[in-house]
Amino acid sequence: MLVHHFGSRDQLITAALAHARRQLLDIARTQLTAHDPHDLRSLVAALRSIVTDPINRPYFRLFDEVNALAQTQPERFPDFGHASVYDWLPQLTQLLAPTSTDDTDARARATLALAVIRGLMLDRNATHEQARIDAAFAVFDAL
């Protein structure tokens, strides 16, 4: 019945993923507001808190899996990778704008924050070596 409503299994999955992405973004916006990050270091710390929050972990695990599938099956998950960056980038850029030299600088810093979080999150999911990931965050925080 659901597949009939959505047209195909893949369209059903795409709709469910879009819904999950909207839910996570709503939660993350609230959490980011509570953290009130104002520079690159505080933004990475806030994002780390969001990514490791037990409420959010199932979303990030799901999106990690789908991102891997999207790399090998782009026709099943069109624009998933693009959306996984650009769903976040405008808000992160806006948060960093007051302490950046200009919009280009704010966007570059937001891109770096997102890349650090995504890279370490992927590494942690692949290896489960939390102590090593914690050490990497400590190095970043000390920069």
N, C-alpha and C. Protein backbone atom coordinates (compact mmCIF):
# COMPACT_ATOMS: atom_id res chain seq x y z
N MET A 1 0.82 -1.19 0.00
CA MET A 1 0.00 0.00 0.00
C MET A 1 0.87 1.26 0.00
N LEU A 2 1.87 1.32 0.89
CA LEU A 2 2.75 2.48 0.93
C LEU A 2 3.54 2.64 -0.36
N VAL A 3 4.05 1.53 -0.89
CA VAL A 3 4.81 1.60 -2.13
C VAL A 3 3.91 2.13 -3.25
N HIS A 4 2.66 1.69 -3.29
CA HIS A 4 1.72 2.19 -4.29
C HIS A 4 1.54 3.71 -4.15
N HIS A 5 1.42 4.18 -2.91
CA HIS A 5 1.23 5.61 -2.66
C HIS A 5 2.44 6.43 -3.13
N PHE A 6 3.65 5.92 -2.90
CA PHE A 6 4.87 6.66 -3.25
C PHE A 6 5.37 6.37 -4.65
N GLY A 7 4.85 5.34 -5.29
CA GLY A 7 5.24 5.05 -6.67
C GLY A 7 6.27 3.94 -6.79
N SER A 8 7.20 3.86 -5.85
CA SER A 8 8.21 2.80 -5.86
C SER A 8 8.83 2.71 -4.48
N ARG A 9 9.53 1.62 -4.27
CA ARG A 9 10.22 1.42 -3.00
C ARG A 9 11.27 2.52 -2.79
N ASP A 10 12.01 2.85 -3.84
CA ASP A 10 13.04 3.88 -3.73
C ASP A 10 12.44 5.25 -3.43
N GLN A 11 11.28 5.56 -4.00
CA GLN A 11 10.64 6.83 -3.71
C GLN A 11 10.14 6.88 -2.27
N LEU A 12 9.68 5.75 -1.76
CA LEU A 12 9.29 5.66 -0.35
C LEU A 12 10.50 5.91 0.54
N ILE A 13 11.62 5.27 0.23
CA ILE A 13 12.85 5.45 1.01
C ILE A 13 13.32 6.90 0.93
N THR A 14 13.26 7.49 -0.25
CA THR A 14 13.67 8.89 -0.42
C THR A 14 12.80 9.81 0.43
N ALA A 15 11.51 9.58 0.45
CA ALA A 15 10.60 10.41 1.25
C ALA A 15 10.88 10.23 2.75
N ALA A 16 11.12 8.98 3.16
CA ALA A 16 11.42 8.72 4.57
C ALA A 16 12.73 9.38 4.98
N LEU A 17 13.73 9.33 4.11
CA LEU A 17 15.01 9.99 4.41
C LEU A 17 14.85 11.51 4.48
N ALA A 18 14.08 12.07 3.60
CA ALA A 18 13.84 13.52 3.64
C ALA A 18 13.16 13.92 4.94
N HIS A 19 12.20 13.11 5.36
CA HIS A 19 11.51 13.38 6.63
C HIS A 19 12.49 13.28 7.80
N ALA A 20 13.31 12.24 7.82
CA ALA A 20 14.30 12.07 8.89
C ALA A 20 15.30 13.23 8.89
N ARG A 21 15.71 13.68 7.71
CA ARG A 21 16.65 14.80 7.62
C ARG A 21 16.02 16.07 8.19
N ARG A 22 14.75 16.32 7.87
CA ARG A 22 14.07 17.50 8.43
C ARG A 22 13.96 17.41 9.94
N GLN A 23 13.64 16.22 10.46
CA GLN A 23 13.55 16.05 11.91
C GLN A 23 14.89 16.35 12.57
N LEU A 24 15.96 15.79 12.04
CA LEU A 24 17.29 16.02 12.62
C LEU A 24 17.67 17.49 12.55
N LEU A 25 17.41 18.13 11.43
CA LEU A 25 17.76 19.55 11.30
C LEU A 25 16.98 20.40 12.30
N ASP A 26 15.73 20.08 12.54
CA ASP A 26 14.95 20.82 13.53
C ASP A 26 15.54 20.64 14.93
N ILE A 27 15.90 19.41 15.27
CA ILE A 27 16.52 19.13 16.56
C ILE A 27 17.85 19.87 16.66
N ALA A 28 18.66 19.78 15.61
CA ALA A 28 19.99 20.39 15.62
C ALA A 28 19.91 21.91 15.73
N ARG A 29 18.94 22.53 15.06
CA ARG A 29 18.79 23.99 15.17
C ARG A 29 18.54 24.40 16.61
N THR A 30 17.68 23.66 17.28
CA THR A 30 17.40 23.94 18.69
C THR A 30 18.65 23.76 19.52
N GLN A 31 19.37 22.69 19.29
CA GLN A 31 20.58 22.41 20.06
C GLN A 31 21.68 23.44 19.76
N LEU A 32 21.81 23.84 18.51
CA LEU A 32 22.81 24.87 18.18
C LEU A 32 22.48 26.19 18.86
N THR A 33 21.21 26.54 18.88
CA THR A 33 20.80 27.77 19.56
C THR A 33 21.17 27.72 21.03
N ALA A 34 20.97 26.57 21.65
CA ALA A 34 21.30 26.41 23.06
C ALA A 34 22.81 26.54 23.31
N HIS A 35 23.62 26.06 22.37
CA HIS A 35 25.08 26.14 22.51
C HIS A 35 25.61 27.54 22.22
N ASP A 36 24.91 28.27 21.36
CA ASP A 36 25.31 29.62 20.97
C ASP A 36 26.78 29.71 20.53
N PRO A 37 27.17 28.90 19.52
CA PRO A 37 28.57 28.98 19.07
C PRO A 37 28.84 30.31 18.37
N HIS A 38 30.02 30.84 18.57
CA HIS A 38 30.36 32.16 18.02
C HIS A 38 31.64 32.16 17.21
N ASP A 39 32.41 31.08 17.27
CA ASP A 39 33.63 30.98 16.48
C ASP A 39 33.82 29.53 16.05
N LEU A 40 34.86 29.27 15.27
CA LEU A 40 35.08 27.94 14.73
C LEU A 40 35.21 26.90 15.84
N ARG A 41 35.98 27.19 16.85
CA ARG A 41 36.21 26.23 17.94
C ARG A 41 34.89 25.89 18.66
N SER A 42 34.12 26.91 19.01
CA SER A 42 32.87 26.65 19.72
C SER A 42 31.83 25.98 18.81
N LEU A 43 31.89 26.26 17.50
CA LEU A 43 30.97 25.60 16.58
C LEU A 43 31.30 24.11 16.48
N VAL A 44 32.58 23.77 16.35
CA VAL A 44 32.96 22.36 16.29
C VAL A 44 32.56 21.66 17.59
N ALA A 45 32.76 22.30 18.73
CA ALA A 45 32.37 21.71 20.01
C ALA A 45 30.85 21.50 20.06
N ALA A 46 30.08 22.47 19.57
CA ALA A 46 28.62 22.33 19.56
C ALA A 46 28.19 21.19 18.63
N LEU A 47 28.80 21.13 17.45
CA LEU A 47 28.46 20.07 16.51
C LEU A 47 28.84 18.70 17.06
N ARG A 48 29.97 18.64 17.74
CA ARG A 48 30.37 17.37 18.36
C ARG A 48 29.32 16.93 19.38
N SER A 49 28.85 17.86 20.16
CA SER A 49 27.82 17.55 21.15
C SER A 49 26.55 17.06 20.48
N ILE A 50 26.19 17.67 19.38
CA ILE A 50 24.99 17.28 18.65
C ILE A 50 25.15 15.89 18.03
N VAL A 51 26.30 15.65 17.42
CA VAL A 51 26.55 14.37 16.77
C VAL A 51 26.60 13.22 17.77
N THR A 52 27.11 13.48 18.96
CA THR A 52 27.25 12.41 19.95
C THR A 52 26.05 12.30 20.89
N ASP A 53 25.09 13.19 20.77
CA ASP A 53 23.89 13.12 21.60
C ASP A 53 23.14 11.82 21.28
N PRO A 54 22.84 11.02 22.29
CA PRO A 54 22.14 9.75 22.03
C PRO A 54 20.83 9.90 21.25
N ILE A 55 20.18 11.02 21.39
CA ILE A 55 18.93 11.25 20.64
C ILE A 55 19.21 11.34 19.14
N ASN A 56 20.37 11.89 18.78
CA ASN A 56 20.69 12.13 17.37
C ASN A 56 21.46 11.00 16.71
N ARG A 57 22.13 10.16 17.49
CA ARG A 57 23.01 9.13 16.92
C ARG A 57 22.31 8.25 15.88
N PRO A 58 21.07 7.80 16.11
CA PRO A 58 20.44 6.96 15.07
C PRO A 58 20.32 7.68 13.71
N TYR A 59 20.04 8.97 13.74
CA TYR A 59 19.96 9.73 12.49
C TYR A 59 21.32 9.73 11.78
N PHE A 60 22.36 10.04 12.53
CA PHE A 60 23.69 10.13 11.91
C PHE A 60 24.17 8.77 11.41
N ARG A 61 23.85 7.71 12.11
CA ARG A 61 24.21 6.36 11.64
C ARG A 61 23.47 6.05 10.33
N LEU A 62 22.19 6.38 10.30
CA LEU A 62 21.41 6.16 9.08
C LEU A 62 22.00 6.94 7.92
N PHE A 63 22.29 8.21 8.14
CA PHE A 63 22.80 9.05 7.05
C PHE A 63 24.20 8.62 6.62
N ASP A 64 24.99 8.09 7.53
CA ASP A 64 26.31 7.55 7.19
C ASP A 64 26.14 6.37 6.23
N GLU A 65 25.21 5.48 6.55
CA GLU A 65 24.96 4.32 5.69
C GLU A 65 24.44 4.74 4.32
N VAL A 66 23.49 5.66 4.32
CA VAL A 66 22.92 6.10 3.04
C VAL A 66 23.96 6.84 2.21
N ASN A 67 24.80 7.62 2.86
CA ASN A 67 25.86 8.32 2.14
C ASN A 67 26.78 7.33 1.44
N ALA A 68 27.12 6.25 2.13
CA ALA A 68 27.96 5.22 1.51
C ALA A 68 27.26 4.61 0.30
N LEU A 69 25.97 4.31 0.44
CA LEU A 69 25.21 3.76 -0.69
C LEU A 69 25.11 4.77 -1.83
N ALA A 70 24.95 6.03 -1.49
CA ALA A 70 24.80 7.07 -2.52
C ALA A 70 26.05 7.20 -3.37
N GLN A 71 27.20 6.85 -2.81
CA GLN A 71 28.44 6.93 -3.58
C GLN A 71 28.49 5.87 -4.68
N THR A 72 27.90 4.71 -4.40
CA THR A 72 27.93 3.62 -5.38
C THR A 72 26.63 3.47 -6.15
N GLN A 73 25.55 4.07 -5.64
CA GLN A 73 24.25 3.97 -6.29
C GLN A 73 23.60 5.36 -6.37
N PRO A 74 24.24 6.29 -7.05
CA PRO A 74 23.71 7.66 -7.05
C PRO A 74 22.31 7.78 -7.63
N GLU A 75 21.93 6.87 -8.50
CA GLU A 75 20.58 6.93 -9.07
C GLU A 75 19.51 6.64 -8.01
N ARG A 76 19.86 5.88 -6.97
CA ARG A 76 18.89 5.58 -5.90
C ARG A 76 18.77 6.74 -4.92
N PHE A 77 19.85 7.49 -4.75
CA PHE A 77 19.87 8.57 -3.75
C PHE A 77 20.41 9.84 -4.39
N PRO A 78 19.69 10.36 -5.39
CA PRO A 78 20.19 11.55 -6.08
C PRO A 78 20.28 12.75 -5.14
N ASP A 79 21.36 13.46 -5.22
CA ASP A 79 21.59 14.69 -4.46
C ASP A 79 21.71 14.47 -2.95
N PHE A 80 21.82 13.22 -2.49
CA PHE A 80 21.92 13.00 -1.05
C PHE A 80 23.18 13.65 -0.48
N GLY A 81 24.31 13.44 -1.14
CA GLY A 81 25.56 14.02 -0.66
C GLY A 81 25.51 15.54 -0.64
N HIS A 82 25.00 16.12 -1.70
CA HIS A 82 24.87 17.58 -1.77
C HIS A 82 23.99 18.10 -0.65
N ALA A 83 22.85 17.45 -0.44
CA ALA A 83 21.93 17.89 0.62
C ALA A 83 22.55 17.73 2.00
N SER A 84 23.37 16.69 2.18
CA SER A 84 23.96 16.47 3.50
C SER A 84 24.95 17.57 3.87
N VAL A 85 25.43 18.30 2.90
CA VAL A 85 26.29 19.46 3.17
C VAL A 85 25.45 20.73 3.23
N TYR A 86 24.64 20.94 2.21
CA TYR A 86 23.94 22.22 2.08
C TYR A 86 22.71 22.35 2.97
N ASP A 87 22.27 21.28 3.59
CA ASP A 87 21.25 21.42 4.63
C ASP A 87 21.84 22.13 5.84
N TRP A 88 23.13 21.96 6.08
CA TRP A 88 23.80 22.48 7.27
C TRP A 88 24.55 23.79 7.01
N LEU A 89 25.16 23.90 5.84
CA LEU A 89 26.10 25.00 5.58
C LEU A 89 25.52 26.40 5.77
N PRO A 90 24.33 26.71 5.30
CA PRO A 90 23.82 28.08 5.49
C PRO A 90 23.69 28.48 6.96
N GLN A 91 23.16 27.59 7.79
CA GLN A 91 23.01 27.93 9.20
C GLN A 91 24.36 28.07 9.89
N LEU A 92 25.29 27.17 9.58
CA LEU A 92 26.62 27.25 10.20
C LEU A 92 27.34 28.52 9.76
N THR A 93 27.19 28.87 8.49
CA THR A 93 27.79 30.10 7.98
C THR A 93 27.22 31.32 8.69
N GLN A 94 25.92 31.33 8.87
CA GLN A 94 25.26 32.45 9.56
C GLN A 94 25.76 32.58 11.00
N LEU A 95 25.94 31.45 11.67
CA LEU A 95 26.43 31.49 13.05
C LEU A 95 27.83 32.09 13.15
N LEU A 96 28.65 31.85 12.13
CA LEU A 96 30.03 32.33 12.17
C LEU A 96 30.21 33.71 11.56
N ALA A 97 29.20 34.23 10.91
CA ALA A 97 29.32 35.53 10.24
C ALA A 97 29.77 36.66 11.16
N PRO A 98 29.25 36.77 12.38
CA PRO A 98 29.66 37.90 13.23
C PRO A 98 31.15 37.92 13.59
N THR A 99 31.80 36.76 13.60
CA THR A 99 33.22 36.73 13.98
C THR A 99 34.14 36.47 12.80
N SER A 100 33.58 36.50 11.58
CA SER A 100 34.38 36.28 10.37
C SER A 100 34.65 37.60 9.69
N THR A 101 35.68 37.60 8.84
CA THR A 101 36.04 38.85 8.16
C THR A 101 35.03 39.23 7.08
N ASP A 102 34.41 38.22 6.45
CA ASP A 102 33.39 38.47 5.43
C ASP A 102 32.61 37.17 5.20
N ASP A 103 31.67 37.19 4.27
CA ASP A 103 30.84 36.01 4.01
C ASP A 103 31.66 34.82 3.51
N THR A 104 32.66 35.09 2.68
CA THR A 104 33.51 34.02 2.17
C THR A 104 34.26 33.35 3.31
N ASP A 105 34.77 34.13 4.24
CA ASP A 105 35.48 33.59 5.40
C ASP A 105 34.53 32.78 6.28
N ALA A 106 33.33 33.29 6.51
CA ALA A 106 32.36 32.57 7.34
C ALA A 106 32.00 31.23 6.70
N ARG A 107 31.80 31.24 5.40
CA ARG A 107 31.46 29.99 4.69
C ARG A 107 32.62 29.00 4.72
N ALA A 108 33.84 29.49 4.57
CA ALA A 108 35.01 28.62 4.63
C ALA A 108 35.15 28.00 6.02
N ARG A 109 34.94 28.78 7.04
CA ARG A 109 35.02 28.27 8.42
C ARG A 109 33.90 27.26 8.70
N ALA A 110 32.71 27.55 8.21
CA ALA A 110 31.59 26.62 8.38
C ALA A 110 31.88 25.31 7.65
N THR A 111 32.48 25.40 6.46
CA THR A 111 32.87 24.21 5.70
C THR A 111 33.89 23.39 6.48
N LEU A 112 34.86 24.07 7.08
CA LEU A 112 35.88 23.37 7.87
C LEU A 112 35.24 22.69 9.08
N ALA A 113 34.36 23.37 9.78
CA ALA A 113 33.69 22.78 10.94
C ALA A 113 32.92 21.53 10.53
N LEU A 114 32.18 21.62 9.45
CA LEU A 114 31.41 20.49 8.96
C LEU A 114 32.33 19.34 8.55
N ALA A 115 33.42 19.65 7.89
CA ALA A 115 34.36 18.61 7.44
C ALA A 115 35.04 17.92 8.63
N VAL A 116 35.42 18.68 9.63
CA VAL A 116 36.05 18.08 10.82
C VAL A 116 35.07 17.11 11.48
N ILE A 117 33.84 17.56 11.69
CA ILE A 117 32.84 16.71 12.34
C ILE A 117 32.53 15.49 11.51
N ARG A 118 32.30 15.68 10.23
CA ARG A 118 31.95 14.53 9.38
C ARG A 118 33.10 13.55 9.29
N GLY A 119 34.30 14.05 9.14
CA GLY A 119 35.46 13.15 9.03
C GLY A 119 35.67 12.34 10.29
N LEU A 120 35.64 12.99 11.43
CA LEU A 120 35.85 12.26 12.68
C LEU A 120 34.67 11.35 13.00
N MET A 121 33.46 11.76 12.61
CA MET A 121 32.29 10.90 12.82
C MET A 121 32.41 9.63 11.96
N LEU A 122 32.80 9.78 10.71
CA LEU A 122 32.98 8.61 9.85
C LEU A 122 34.07 7.69 10.39
N ASP A 123 35.15 8.29 10.86
CA ASP A 123 36.25 7.52 11.42
C ASP A 123 35.80 6.76 12.66
N ARG A 124 35.06 7.41 13.52
CA ARG A 124 34.57 6.78 14.75
C ARG A 124 33.61 5.64 14.41
N ASN A 125 32.72 5.85 13.46
CA ASN A 125 31.79 4.79 13.07
C ASN A 125 32.51 3.61 12.44
N ALA A 126 33.59 3.87 11.74
CA ALA A 126 34.34 2.79 11.08
C ALA A 126 35.20 2.00 12.05
N THR A 127 35.76 2.67 13.07
CA THR A 127 36.73 2.00 13.94
C THR A 127 36.27 1.79 15.37
N HIS A 128 35.31 2.57 15.81
CA HIS A 128 34.83 2.53 17.21
C HIS A 128 35.94 2.87 18.20
N GLU A 129 36.94 3.62 17.76
CA GLU A 129 38.06 4.01 18.61
C GLU A 129 37.81 5.39 19.20
N GLN A 130 36.92 5.44 20.18
CA GLN A 130 36.49 6.71 20.76
C GLN A 130 37.65 7.50 21.37
N ALA A 131 38.58 6.82 22.03
CA ALA A 131 39.70 7.53 22.67
C ALA A 131 40.55 8.26 21.63
N ARG A 132 40.78 7.63 20.48
CA ARG A 132 41.57 8.28 19.42
C ARG A 132 40.82 9.48 18.86
N ILE A 133 39.51 9.34 18.70
CA ILE A 133 38.70 10.45 18.18
C ILE A 133 38.69 11.59 19.19
N ASP A 134 38.55 11.28 20.47
CA ASP A 134 38.61 12.30 21.51
C ASP A 134 39.94 13.04 21.49
N ALA A 135 41.03 12.30 21.27
CA ALA A 135 42.35 12.93 21.19
C ALA A 135 42.44 13.86 19.99
N ALA A 136 41.84 13.45 18.88
CA ALA A 136 41.85 14.31 17.69
C ALA A 136 41.05 15.59 17.94
N PHE A 137 39.92 15.47 18.60
CA PHE A 137 39.16 16.67 18.95
C PHE A 137 39.96 17.58 19.87
N ALA A 138 40.69 17.01 20.80
CA ALA A 138 41.51 17.80 21.71
C ALA A 138 42.60 18.55 20.95
N VAL A 139 43.19 17.91 19.96
CA VAL A 139 44.20 18.58 19.13
C VAL A 139 43.56 19.74 18.38
N PHE A 140 42.40 19.50 17.78
CA PHE A 140 41.72 20.56 17.05
C PHE A 140 41.40 21.73 17.99
N ASP A 141 40.91 21.39 19.16
CA ASP A 141 40.53 22.43 20.12
C ASP A 141 41.72 23.26 20.57
N ALA A 142 42.90 22.66 20.54
CA ALA A 142 44.13 23.36 20.97
C ALA A 142 44.75 24.22 19.87
N LEU A 143 44.28 24.08 18.64
CA LEU A 143 44.85 24.85 17.52
C LEU A 143 44.63 26.34 17.70
